[in-house]
Amino acid sequence: MINAGELDRDIIIKQVTESISDAGGTTDVESIYAEVPAKVESISTGQRLLSNVLHGTYTSKFTIRFLTGLNSKMKIYYDSKVWSILSIAVLGRDEGHVLLAEAVD
């Protein structure tokens, strides 16, 4: 059971859809899927080498109430970072979700 008092952070979940222009080209369009309260737990921090530059990485667990249609292609916006969803677990009988996500500076 999710205790409402633990959902003390606001997060934004965005989805990316592909739009076709009049000229026939495609463009990715980002839109807000949901703004929800969440419990956020930091799991780890680290570093990753991307394009010969060292970047900080953050892994956190986001617990939210059940949200229909949620998928791992969506992004979480929280704490001035963009978080990629690594995995989605369902709590109980559609009580909520636990999202494991990673952000890179």
PDB file of N, CA and C in Angstrom:
ATOM      1  N   MET A   1       0.846  -1.188   0.000  1.00  0.00           N
ATOM      2  CA  MET A   1       0.000   0.000   0.000  1.00  0.00           C
ATOM      3  C   MET A   1       0.882   1.239   0.000  1.00  0.00           C
ATOM      4  N   ILE A   2       0.532   2.174  -0.848  1.00  0.00           N
ATOM      5  CA  ILE A   2       1.284   3.415  -0.935  1.00  0.00           C
ATOM      6  C   ILE A   2       0.703   4.419   0.057  1.00  0.00           C
ATOM      7  N   ASN A   3       1.557   4.938   0.923  1.00  0.00           N
ATOM      8  CA  ASN A   3       1.161   5.951   1.882  1.00  0.00           C
ATOM      9  C   ASN A   3       1.221   7.311   1.181  1.00  0.00           C
ATOM     10  N   ALA A   4       0.111   8.017   1.119  1.00  0.00           N
ATOM     11  CA  ALA A   4       0.045   9.296   0.398  1.00  0.00           C
ATOM     12  C   ALA A   4       1.067  10.298   0.915  1.00  0.00           C
ATOM     13  N   GLY A   5       1.392  10.250   2.191  1.00  0.00           N
ATOM     14  CA  GLY A   5       2.368  11.173   2.769  1.00  0.00           C
ATOM     15  C   GLY A   5       3.773  10.973   2.229  1.00  0.00           C
ATOM     16  N   GLU A   6       4.056   9.780   1.707  1.00  0.00           N
ATOM     17  CA  GLU A   6       5.384   9.506   1.148  1.00  0.00           C
ATOM     18  C   GLU A   6       5.549  10.080  -0.263  1.00  0.00           C
ATOM     19  N   LEU A   7       4.446  10.367  -0.928  1.00  0.00           N
ATOM     20  CA  LEU A   7       4.492  10.911  -2.285  1.00  0.00           C
ATOM     21  C   LEU A   7       4.657  12.429  -2.195  1.00  0.00           C
ATOM     22  N   ASP A   8       5.856  12.851  -1.784  1.00  0.00           N
ATOM     23  CA  ASP A   8       6.085  14.255  -1.445  1.00  0.00           C
ATOM     24  C   ASP A   8       6.884  15.052  -2.479  1.00  0.00           C
ATOM     25  N   ARG A   9       7.101  14.488  -3.651  1.00  0.00           N
ATOM     26  CA  ARG A   9       7.802  15.184  -4.728  1.00  0.00           C
ATOM     27  C   ARG A   9       6.927  15.178  -5.976  1.00  0.00           C
ATOM     28  N   ASP A  10       6.950  16.250  -6.730  1.00  0.00           N
ATOM     29  CA  ASP A  10       6.196  16.318  -7.982  1.00  0.00           C
ATOM     30  C   ASP A  10       7.126  16.004  -9.147  1.00  0.00           C
ATOM     31  N   ILE A  11       6.686  15.110 -10.020  1.00  0.00           N
ATOM     32  CA  ILE A  11       7.457  14.784 -11.215  1.00  0.00           C
ATOM     33  C   ILE A  11       6.576  14.980 -12.442  1.00  0.00           C
ATOM     34  N   ILE A  12       7.218  15.184 -13.571  1.00  0.00           N
ATOM     35  CA  ILE A  12       6.516  15.285 -14.851  1.00  0.00           C
ATOM     36  C   ILE A  12       6.974  14.122 -15.708  1.00  0.00           C
ATOM     37  N   ILE A  13       6.021  13.421 -16.294  1.00  0.00           N
ATOM     38  CA  ILE A  13       6.324  12.331 -17.212  1.00  0.00           C
ATOM     39  C   ILE A  13       5.929  12.801 -18.602  1.00  0.00           C
ATOM     40  N   LYS A  14       6.904  12.740 -19.533  1.00  0.00           N
ATOM     41  CA  LYS A  14       6.651  13.181 -20.904  1.00  0.00           C
ATOM     42  C   LYS A  14       6.783  12.005 -21.860  1.00  0.00           C
ATOM     43  N   GLN A  15       6.010  12.072 -22.931  1.00  0.00           N
ATOM     44  CA  GLN A  15       6.091  11.065 -23.982  1.00  0.00           C
ATOM     45  C   GLN A  15       6.534  11.736 -25.275  1.00  0.00           C
ATOM     46  N   VAL A  16       7.178  10.956 -26.125  1.00  0.00           N
ATOM     47  CA  VAL A  16       7.618  11.453 -27.419  1.00  0.00           C
ATOM     48  C   VAL A  16       6.802  10.746 -28.489  1.00  0.00           C
ATOM     49  N   THR A  17       6.189  11.538 -29.360  1.00  0.00           N
ATOM     50  CA  THR A  17       5.448  10.971 -30.481  1.00  0.00           C
ATOM     51  C   THR A  17       6.058  11.487 -31.775  1.00  0.00           C
ATOM     52  N   GLU A  18       5.915  10.711 -32.807  1.00  0.00           N
ATOM     53  CA  GLU A  18       6.460  11.087 -34.097  1.00  0.00           C
ATOM     54  C   GLU A  18       5.377  11.768 -34.923  1.00  0.00           C
ATOM     55  N   SER A  19       5.703  12.931 -35.440  1.00  0.00           N
ATOM     56  CA  SER A  19       4.760  13.702 -36.246  1.00  0.00           C
ATOM     57  C   SER A  19       5.277  13.773 -37.675  1.00  0.00           C
ATOM     58  N   ILE A  20       4.379  13.685 -38.631  1.00  0.00           N
ATOM     59  CA  ILE A  20       4.749  13.756 -40.045  1.00  0.00           C
ATOM     60  C   ILE A  20       4.382  15.146 -40.573  1.00  0.00           C
ATOM     61  N   SER A  21       5.375  15.814 -41.146  1.00  0.00           N
ATOM     62  CA  SER A  21       5.151  17.162 -41.675  1.00  0.00           C
ATOM     63  C   SER A  21       4.475  17.084 -43.043  1.00  0.00           C
ATOM     64  N   ASP A  22       4.039  18.240 -43.545  1.00  0.00           N
ATOM     65  CA  ASP A  22       3.410  18.319 -44.870  1.00  0.00           C
ATOM     66  C   ASP A  22       4.362  17.854 -45.976  1.00  0.00           C
ATOM     67  N   ALA A  23       5.662  18.039 -45.745  1.00  0.00           N
ATOM     68  CA  ALA A  23       6.663  17.650 -46.734  1.00  0.00           C
ATOM     69  C   ALA A  23       6.994  16.156 -46.661  1.00  0.00           C
ATOM     70  N   GLY A  24       6.431  15.469 -45.679  1.00  0.00           N
ATOM     71  CA  GLY A  24       6.654  14.026 -45.549  1.00  0.00           C
ATOM     72  C   GLY A  24       7.759  13.650 -44.584  1.00  0.00           C
ATOM     73  N   GLY A  25       8.434  14.615 -44.000  1.00  0.00           N
ATOM     74  CA  GLY A  25       9.480  14.328 -43.013  1.00  0.00           C
ATOM     75  C   GLY A  25       8.883  14.038 -41.652  1.00  0.00           C
ATOM     76  N   THR A  26       9.671  13.446 -40.792  1.00  0.00           N
ATOM     77  CA  THR A  26       9.187  13.149 -39.443  1.00  0.00           C
ATOM     78  C   THR A  26       9.911  14.005 -38.416  1.00  0.00           C
ATOM     79  N   THR A  27       9.191  14.351 -37.377  1.00  0.00           N
ATOM     80  CA  THR A  27       9.717  15.138 -36.276  1.00  0.00           C
ATOM     81  C   THR A  27       9.235  14.529 -34.974  1.00  0.00           C
ATOM     82  N   ASP A  28      10.126  14.448 -33.977  1.00  0.00           N
ATOM     83  CA  ASP A  28       9.714  13.981 -32.657  1.00  0.00           C
ATOM     84  C   ASP A  28       9.103  15.145 -31.885  1.00  0.00           C
ATOM     85  N   VAL A  29       7.914  14.922 -31.357  1.00  0.00           N
ATOM     86  CA  VAL A  29       7.201  15.939 -30.590  1.00  0.00           C
ATOM     87  C   VAL A  29       7.047  15.431 -29.159  1.00  0.00           C
ATOM     88  N   GLU A  30       7.495  16.235 -28.206  1.00  0.00           N
ATOM     89  CA  GLU A  30       7.417  15.864 -26.802  1.00  0.00           C
ATOM     90  C   GLU A  30       6.209  16.533 -26.165  1.00  0.00           C
ATOM     91  N   SER A  31       5.452  15.761 -25.368  1.00  0.00           N
ATOM     92  CA  SER A  31       4.285  16.333 -24.687  1.00  0.00           C
ATOM     93  C   SER A  31       4.176  15.746 -23.287  1.00  0.00           C
ATOM     94  N   ILE A  32       3.542  16.495 -22.415  1.00  0.00           N
ATOM     95  CA  ILE A  32       3.355  16.035 -21.032  1.00  0.00           C
ATOM     96  C   ILE A  32       2.301  14.941 -21.021  1.00  0.00           C
ATOM     97  N   TYR A  33       2.664  13.794 -20.461  1.00  0.00           N
ATOM     98  CA  TYR A  33       1.750  12.669 -20.320  1.00  0.00           C
ATOM     99  C   TYR A  33       1.031  12.751 -18.971  1.00  0.00           C
ATOM    100  N   ALA A  34       1.793  13.105 -17.923  1.00  0.00           N
ATOM    101  CA  ALA A  34       1.198  13.210 -16.587  1.00  0.00           C
ATOM    102  C   ALA A  34       2.100  14.021 -15.665  1.00  0.00           C
ATOM    103  N   GLU A  35       1.490  14.725 -14.742  1.00  0.00           N
ATOM    104  CA  GLU A  35       2.192  15.363 -13.634  1.00  0.00           C
ATOM    105  C   GLU A  35       1.671  14.694 -12.381  1.00  0.00           C
ATOM    106  N   VAL A  36       2.555  14.001 -11.657  1.00  0.00           N
ATOM    107  CA  VAL A  36       2.101  13.167 -10.543  1.00  0.00           C
ATOM    108  C   VAL A  36       3.004  13.337  -9.320  1.00  0.00           C
ATOM    109  N   PRO A  37       2.445  13.107  -8.132  1.00  0.00           N
ATOM    110  CA  PRO A  37       3.285  13.075  -6.933  1.00  0.00           C
ATOM    111  C   PRO A  37       4.044  11.752  -6.876  1.00  0.00           C
ATOM    112  N   ALA A  38       5.247  11.797  -6.314  1.00  0.00           N
ATOM    113  CA  ALA A  38       6.080  10.596  -6.267  1.00  0.00           C
ATOM    114  C   ALA A  38       6.922  10.562  -5.001  1.00  0.00           C
ATOM    115  N   LYS A  39       7.315   9.348  -4.656  1.00  0.00           N
ATOM    116  CA  LYS A  39       8.332   9.137  -3.632  1.00  0.00           C
ATOM    117  C   LYS A  39       9.620   8.895  -4.403  1.00  0.00           C
ATOM    118  N   VAL A  40      10.659   9.668  -4.095  1.00  0.00           N
ATOM    119  CA  VAL A  40      11.917   9.559  -4.831  1.00  0.00           C
ATOM    120  C   VAL A  40      13.012   9.093  -3.884  1.00  0.00           C
ATOM    121  N   GLU A  41      13.674   7.998  -4.272  1.00  0.00           N
ATOM    122  CA  GLU A  41      14.762   7.447  -3.475  1.00  0.00           C
ATOM    123  C   GLU A  41      16.011   7.348  -4.342  1.00  0.00           C
ATOM    124  N   SER A  42      17.074   8.017  -3.910  1.00  0.00           N
ATOM    125  CA  SER A  42      18.341   7.943  -4.629  1.00  0.00           C
ATOM    126  C   SER A  42      18.961   6.566  -4.386  1.00  0.00           C
ATOM    127  N   ILE A  43      19.391   5.920  -5.464  1.00  0.00           N
ATOM    128  CA  ILE A  43      19.989   4.593  -5.341  1.00  0.00           C
ATOM    129  C   ILE A  43      21.503   4.666  -5.477  1.00  0.00           C
ATOM    130  N   SER A  44      21.982   5.361  -6.511  1.00  0.00           N
ATOM    131  CA  SER A  44      23.434   5.446  -6.690  1.00  0.00           C
ATOM    132  C   SER A  44      23.813   6.642  -7.543  1.00  0.00           C
ATOM    133  N   THR A  45      25.066   7.023  -7.428  1.00  0.00           N
ATOM    134  CA  THR A  45      25.655   8.033  -8.296  1.00  0.00           C
ATOM    135  C   THR A  45      26.936   7.448  -8.854  1.00  0.00           C
ATOM    136  N   GLY A  46      27.338   7.939  -9.992  1.00  0.00           N
ATOM    137  CA  GLY A  46      28.559   7.425 -10.592  1.00  0.00           C
ATOM    138  C   GLY A  46      29.030   8.332 -11.690  1.00  0.00           C
ATOM    139  N   GLN A  47      29.903   7.788 -12.525  1.00  0.00           N
ATOM    140  CA  GLN A  47      30.434   8.549 -13.642  1.00  0.00           C
ATOM    141  C   GLN A  47      30.448   7.671 -14.879  1.00  0.00           C
ATOM    142  N   ARG A  48      30.299   8.306 -16.029  1.00  0.00           N
ATOM    143  CA  ARG A  48      30.315   7.593 -17.306  1.00  0.00           C
ATOM    144  C   ARG A  48      31.059   8.446 -18.321  1.00  0.00           C
ATOM    145  N   LEU A  49      31.854   7.792 -19.135  1.00  0.00           N
ATOM    146  CA  LEU A  49      32.595   8.477 -20.188  1.00  0.00           C
ATOM    147  C   LEU A  49      31.757   8.480 -21.459  1.00  0.00           C
ATOM    148  N   LEU A  50      31.348   9.679 -21.900  1.00  0.00           N
ATOM    149  CA  LEU A  50      30.575   9.842 -23.128  1.00  0.00           C
ATOM    150  C   LEU A  50      31.293  10.830 -24.022  1.00  0.00           C
ATOM    151  N   SER A  51      31.648  10.420 -25.212  1.00  0.00           N
ATOM    152  CA  SER A  51      32.356  11.284 -26.176  1.00  0.00           C
ATOM    153  C   SER A  51      33.618  11.893 -25.558  1.00  0.00           C
ATOM    154  N   ASN A  52      34.378  11.065 -24.860  1.00  0.00           N
ATOM    155  CA  ASN A  52      35.632  11.473 -24.211  1.00  0.00           C
ATOM    156  C   ASN A  52      35.459  12.535 -23.141  1.00  0.00           C
ATOM    157  N   VAL A  53      34.249  12.656 -22.588  1.00  0.00           N
ATOM    158  CA  VAL A  53      33.979  13.591 -21.502  1.00  0.00           C
ATOM    159  C   VAL A  53      33.345  12.806 -20.356  1.00  0.00           C
ATOM    160  N   LEU A  54      33.829  13.024 -19.143  1.00  0.00           N
ATOM    161  CA  LEU A  54      33.303  12.334 -17.974  1.00  0.00           C
ATOM    162  C   LEU A  54      32.028  13.026 -17.496  1.00  0.00           C
ATOM    163  N   HIS A  55      30.932  12.277 -17.386  1.00  0.00           N
ATOM    164  CA  HIS A  55      29.639  12.813 -16.965  1.00  0.00           C
ATOM    165  C   HIS A  55      29.190  12.124 -15.682  1.00  0.00           C
ATOM    166  N   GLY A  56      28.506  12.863 -14.819  1.00  0.00           N
ATOM    167  CA  GLY A  56      27.924  12.278 -13.620  1.00  0.00           C
ATOM    168  C   GLY A  56      26.645  11.535 -13.975  1.00  0.00           C
ATOM    169  N   THR A  57      26.415  10.392 -13.334  1.00  0.00           N
ATOM    170  CA  THR A  57      25.177   9.632 -13.541  1.00  0.00           C
ATOM    171  C   THR A  57      24.468   9.469 -12.205  1.00  0.00           C
ATOM    172  N   TYR A  58      23.160   9.438 -12.264  1.00  0.00           N
ATOM    173  CA  TYR A  58      22.332   9.304 -11.063  1.00  0.00           C
ATOM    174  C   TYR A  58      21.274   8.245 -11.335  1.00  0.00           C
ATOM    175  N   THR A  59      21.101   7.338 -10.410  1.00  0.00           N
ATOM    176  CA  THR A  59      20.055   6.327 -10.520  1.00  0.00           C
ATOM    177  C   THR A  59      19.129   6.490  -9.320  1.00  0.00           C
ATOM    178  N   SER A  60      17.824   6.557  -9.592  1.00  0.00           N
ATOM    179  CA  SER A  60      16.840   6.731  -8.527  1.00  0.00           C
ATOM    180  C   SER A  60      15.628   5.844  -8.775  1.00  0.00           C
ATOM    181  N   LYS A  61      14.890   5.629  -7.701  1.00  0.00           N
ATOM    182  CA  LYS A  61      13.650   4.859  -7.755  1.00  0.00           C
ATOM    183  C   LYS A  61      12.505   5.830  -7.490  1.00  0.00           C
ATOM    184  N   PHE A  62      11.541   5.856  -8.410  1.00  0.00           N
ATOM    185  CA  PHE A  62      10.366   6.719  -8.303  1.00  0.00           C
ATOM    186  C   PHE A  62       9.146   5.837  -8.060  1.00  0.00           C
ATOM    187  N   THR A  63       8.445   6.061  -6.954  1.00  0.00           N
ATOM    188  CA  THR A  63       7.221   5.318  -6.666  1.00  0.00           C
ATOM    189  C   THR A  63       6.041   6.259  -6.889  1.00  0.00           C
ATOM    190  N   ILE A  64       5.099   5.824  -7.744  1.00  0.00           N
ATOM    191  CA  ILE A  64       3.926   6.645  -8.072  1.00  0.00           C
ATOM    192  C   ILE A  64       2.672   5.777  -8.011  1.00  0.00           C
ATOM    193  N   ARG A  65       1.519   6.419  -7.982  1.00  0.00           N
ATOM    194  CA  ARG A  65       0.265   5.674  -8.090  1.00  0.00           C
ATOM    195  C   ARG A  65       0.153   5.099  -9.501  1.00  0.00           C
ATOM    196  N   PHE A  66      -0.682   4.077  -9.677  1.00  0.00           N
ATOM    197  CA  PHE A  66      -0.805   3.394 -10.959  1.00  0.00           C
ATOM    198  C   PHE A  66      -1.182   4.394 -12.053  1.00  0.00           C
ATOM    199  N   LEU A  67      -0.531   4.252 -13.201  1.00  0.00           N
ATOM    200  CA  LEU A  67      -0.746   5.157 -14.324  1.00  0.00           C
ATOM    201  C   LEU A  67      -0.886   4.322 -15.590  1.00  0.00           C
ATOM    202  N   THR A  68      -2.074   4.289 -16.146  1.00  0.00           N
ATOM    203  CA  THR A  68      -2.341   3.503 -17.349  1.00  0.00           C
ATOM    204  C   THR A  68      -1.524   4.023 -18.528  1.00  0.00           C
ATOM    205  N   GLY A  69      -0.955   3.103 -19.295  1.00  0.00           N
ATOM    206  CA  GLY A  69      -0.241   3.473 -20.511  1.00  0.00           C
ATOM    207  C   GLY A  69       1.214   3.837 -20.326  1.00  0.00           C
ATOM    208  N   LEU A  70       1.718   3.766 -19.116  1.00  0.00           N
ATOM    209  CA  LEU A  70       3.109   4.108 -18.841  1.00  0.00           C
ATOM    210  C   LEU A  70       4.038   3.139 -19.562  1.00  0.00           C
ATOM    211  N   ASN A  71       5.122   3.659 -20.181  1.00  0.00           N
ATOM    212  CA  ASN A  71       6.090   2.773 -20.837  1.00  0.00           C
ATOM    213  C   ASN A  71       7.501   3.330 -20.705  1.00  0.00           C
ATOM    214  N   SER A  72       8.487   2.482 -20.997  1.00  0.00           N
ATOM    215  CA  SER A  72       9.886   2.848 -20.777  1.00  0.00           C
ATOM    216  C   SER A  72      10.448   3.810 -21.823  1.00  0.00           C
ATOM    217  N   LYS A  73       9.676   4.162 -22.832  1.00  0.00           N
ATOM    218  CA  LYS A  73      10.122   5.162 -23.807  1.00  0.00           C
ATOM    219  C   LYS A  73       9.874   6.582 -23.289  1.00  0.00           C
ATOM    220  N   MET A  74       9.084   6.698 -22.234  1.00  0.00           N
ATOM    221  CA  MET A  74       8.776   8.000 -21.656  1.00  0.00           C
ATOM    222  C   MET A  74       9.957   8.502 -20.828  1.00  0.00           C
ATOM    223  N   LYS A  75       9.971   9.788 -20.535  1.00  0.00           N
ATOM    224  CA  LYS A  75      11.023  10.415 -19.745  1.00  0.00           C
ATOM    225  C   LYS A  75      10.411  11.055 -18.503  1.00  0.00           C
ATOM    226  N   ILE A  76      11.195  11.076 -17.427  1.00  0.00           N
ATOM    227  CA  ILE A  76      10.791  11.731 -16.185  1.00  0.00           C
ATOM    228  C   ILE A  76      11.582  13.034 -16.075  1.00  0.00           C
ATOM    229  N   TYR A  77      10.902  14.106 -15.732  1.00  0.00           N
ATOM    230  CA  TYR A  77      11.550  15.389 -15.491  1.00  0.00           C
ATOM    231  C   TYR A  77      11.422  15.687 -14.004  1.00  0.00           C
ATOM    232  N   TYR A  78      12.584  15.730 -13.329  1.00  0.00           N
ATOM    233  CA  TYR A  78      12.599  15.941 -11.880  1.00  0.00           C
ATOM    234  C   TYR A  78      13.961  16.519 -11.495  1.00  0.00           C
ATOM    235  N   ASP A  79      13.970  17.457 -10.604  1.00  0.00           N
ATOM    236  CA  ASP A  79      15.190  18.019 -10.031  1.00  0.00           C
ATOM    237  C   ASP A  79      16.111  18.585 -11.130  1.00  0.00           C
ATOM    238  N   SER A  80      15.529  19.264 -12.095  1.00  0.00           N
ATOM    239  CA  SER A  80      16.252  19.881 -13.216  1.00  0.00           C
ATOM    240  C   SER A  80      17.035  18.864 -14.048  1.00  0.00           C
ATOM    241  N   LYS A  81      16.604  17.606 -14.028  1.00  0.00           N
ATOM    242  CA  LYS A  81      17.249  16.559 -14.815  1.00  0.00           C
ATOM    243  C   LYS A  81      16.203  15.817 -15.640  1.00  0.00           C
ATOM    244  N   VAL A  82      16.682  15.214 -16.731  1.00  0.00           N
ATOM    245  CA  VAL A  82      15.836  14.354 -17.551  1.00  0.00           C
ATOM    246  C   VAL A  82      16.245  12.915 -17.239  1.00  0.00           C
ATOM    247  N   TRP A  83      15.272  12.115 -16.803  1.00  0.00           N
ATOM    248  CA  TRP A  83      15.533  10.749 -16.367  1.00  0.00           C
ATOM    249  C   TRP A  83      14.993   9.755 -17.393  1.00  0.00           C
ATOM    250  N   SER A  84      15.833   8.832 -17.812  1.00  0.00           N
ATOM    251  CA  SER A  84      15.420   7.746 -18.708  1.00  0.00           C
ATOM    252  C   SER A  84      14.919   6.584 -17.855  1.00  0.00           C
ATOM    253  N   ILE A  85      13.746   6.067 -18.186  1.00  0.00           N
ATOM    254  CA  ILE A  85      13.171   4.966 -17.427  1.00  0.00           C
ATOM    255  C   ILE A  85      13.855   3.668 -17.842  1.00  0.00           C
ATOM    256  N   LEU A  86      14.466   2.993 -16.875  1.00  0.00           N
ATOM    257  CA  LEU A  86      15.159   1.731 -17.125  1.00  0.00           C
ATOM    258  C   LEU A  86      14.231   0.538 -16.960  1.00  0.00           C
ATOM    259  N   SER A  87      13.346   0.605 -15.956  1.00  0.00           N
ATOM    260  CA  SER A  87      12.398  -0.492 -15.731  1.00  0.00           C
ATOM    261  C   SER A  87      11.150   0.022 -15.023  1.00  0.00           C
ATOM    262  N   ILE A  88      10.058  -0.736 -15.204  1.00  0.00           N
ATOM    263  CA  ILE A  88       8.773  -0.401 -14.591  1.00  0.00           C
ATOM    264  C   ILE A  88       8.247  -1.645 -13.910  1.00  0.00           C
ATOM    265  N   ALA A  89       7.958  -1.533 -12.619  1.00  0.00           N
ATOM    266  CA  ALA A  89       7.361  -2.646 -11.872  1.00  0.00           C
ATOM    267  C   ALA A  89       5.997  -2.195 -11.349  1.00  0.00           C
ATOM    268  N   VAL A  90       5.049  -3.121 -11.335  1.00  0.00           N
ATOM    269  CA  VAL A  90       3.703  -2.822 -10.832  1.00  0.00           C
ATOM    270  C   VAL A  90       3.622  -3.253  -9.380  1.00  0.00           C
ATOM    271  N   LEU A  91       3.092  -2.376  -8.529  1.00  0.00           N
ATOM    272  CA  LEU A  91       2.896  -2.695  -7.117  1.00  0.00           C
ATOM    273  C   LEU A  91       1.517  -3.286  -6.901  1.00  0.00           C
ATOM    274  N   GLY A  92       1.459  -4.372  -6.166  1.00  0.00           N
ATOM    275  CA  GLY A  92       0.178  -4.977  -5.811  1.00  0.00           C
ATOM    276  C   GLY A  92      -0.702  -5.227  -7.015  1.00  0.00           C
ATOM    277  N   ARG A  93      -1.982  -5.048  -6.836  1.00  0.00           N
ATOM    278  CA  ARG A  93      -2.957  -5.206  -7.919  1.00  0.00           C
ATOM    279  C   ARG A  93      -3.258  -3.848  -8.526  1.00  0.00           C
ATOM    280  N   ASP A  94      -2.323  -3.389  -9.348  1.00  0.00           N
ATOM    281  CA  ASP A  94      -2.421  -2.077 -10.000  1.00  0.00           C
ATOM    282  C   ASP A  94      -2.541  -0.927  -9.003  1.00  0.00           C
ATOM    283  N   GLU A  95      -1.841  -1.071  -7.875  1.00  0.00           N
ATOM    284  CA  GLU A  95      -1.852  -0.020  -6.869  1.00  0.00           C
ATOM    285  C   GLU A  95      -0.931   1.129  -7.251  1.00  0.00           C
ATOM    286  N   GLY A  96       0.209   0.780  -7.832  1.00  0.00           N
ATOM    287  CA  GLY A  96       1.177   1.797  -8.191  1.00  0.00           C
ATOM    288  C   GLY A  96       2.282   1.241  -9.055  1.00  0.00           C
ATOM    289  N   HIS A  97       3.242   2.088  -9.347  1.00  0.00           N
ATOM    290  CA  HIS A  97       4.404   1.690 -10.135  1.00  0.00           C
ATOM    291  C   HIS A  97       5.673   2.067  -9.382  1.00  0.00           C
ATOM    292  N   VAL A  98       6.709   1.271  -9.573  1.00  0.00           N
ATOM    293  CA  VAL A  98       8.053   1.635  -9.139  1.00  0.00           C
ATOM    294  C   VAL A  98       8.871   1.751 -10.414  1.00  0.00           C
ATOM    295  N   LEU A  99       9.395   2.953 -10.645  1.00  0.00           N
ATOM    296  CA  LEU A  99      10.175   3.234 -11.856  1.00  0.00           C
ATOM    297  C   LEU A  99      11.630   3.366 -11.472  1.00  0.00           C
ATOM    298  N   LEU A 100      12.488   2.595 -12.088  1.00  0.00           N
ATOM    299  CA  LEU A 100      13.924   2.747 -11.929  1.00  0.00           C
ATOM    300  C   LEU A 100      14.393   3.611 -13.083  1.00  0.00           C
ATOM    301  N   ALA A 101      15.076   4.714 -12.776  1.00  0.00           N
ATOM    302  CA  ALA A 101      15.442   5.659 -13.835  1.00  0.00           C
ATOM    303  C   ALA A 101      16.848   6.197 -13.618  1.00  0.00           C
ATOM    304  N   GLU A 102      17.445   6.648 -14.727  1.00  0.00           N
ATOM    305  CA  GLU A 102      18.801   7.162 -14.697  1.00  0.00           C
ATOM    306  C   GLU A 102      18.867   8.519 -15.383  1.00  0.00           C
ATOM    307  N   ALA A 103      19.637   9.433 -14.797  1.00  0.00           N
ATOM    308  CA  ALA A 103      19.885  10.746 -15.396  1.00  0.00           C
ATOM    309  C   ALA A 103      21.391  10.911 -15.572  1.00  0.00           C
ATOM    310  N   VAL A 104      21.780  11.586 -16.645  1.00  0.00           N
ATOM    311  CA  VAL A 104      23.191  11.849 -16.924  1.00  0.00           C
ATOM    312  C   VAL A 104      23.366  13.359 -17.055  1.00  0.00           C
ATOM    313  N   ASP A 105      24.376  13.882 -16.345  1.00  0.00           N
ATOM    314  CA  ASP A 105      24.680  15.324 -16.454  1.00  0.00           C
ATOM    315  C   ASP A 105      25.333  15.628 -17.772  1.00  0.00           C
TER     316      ASP A 105
END
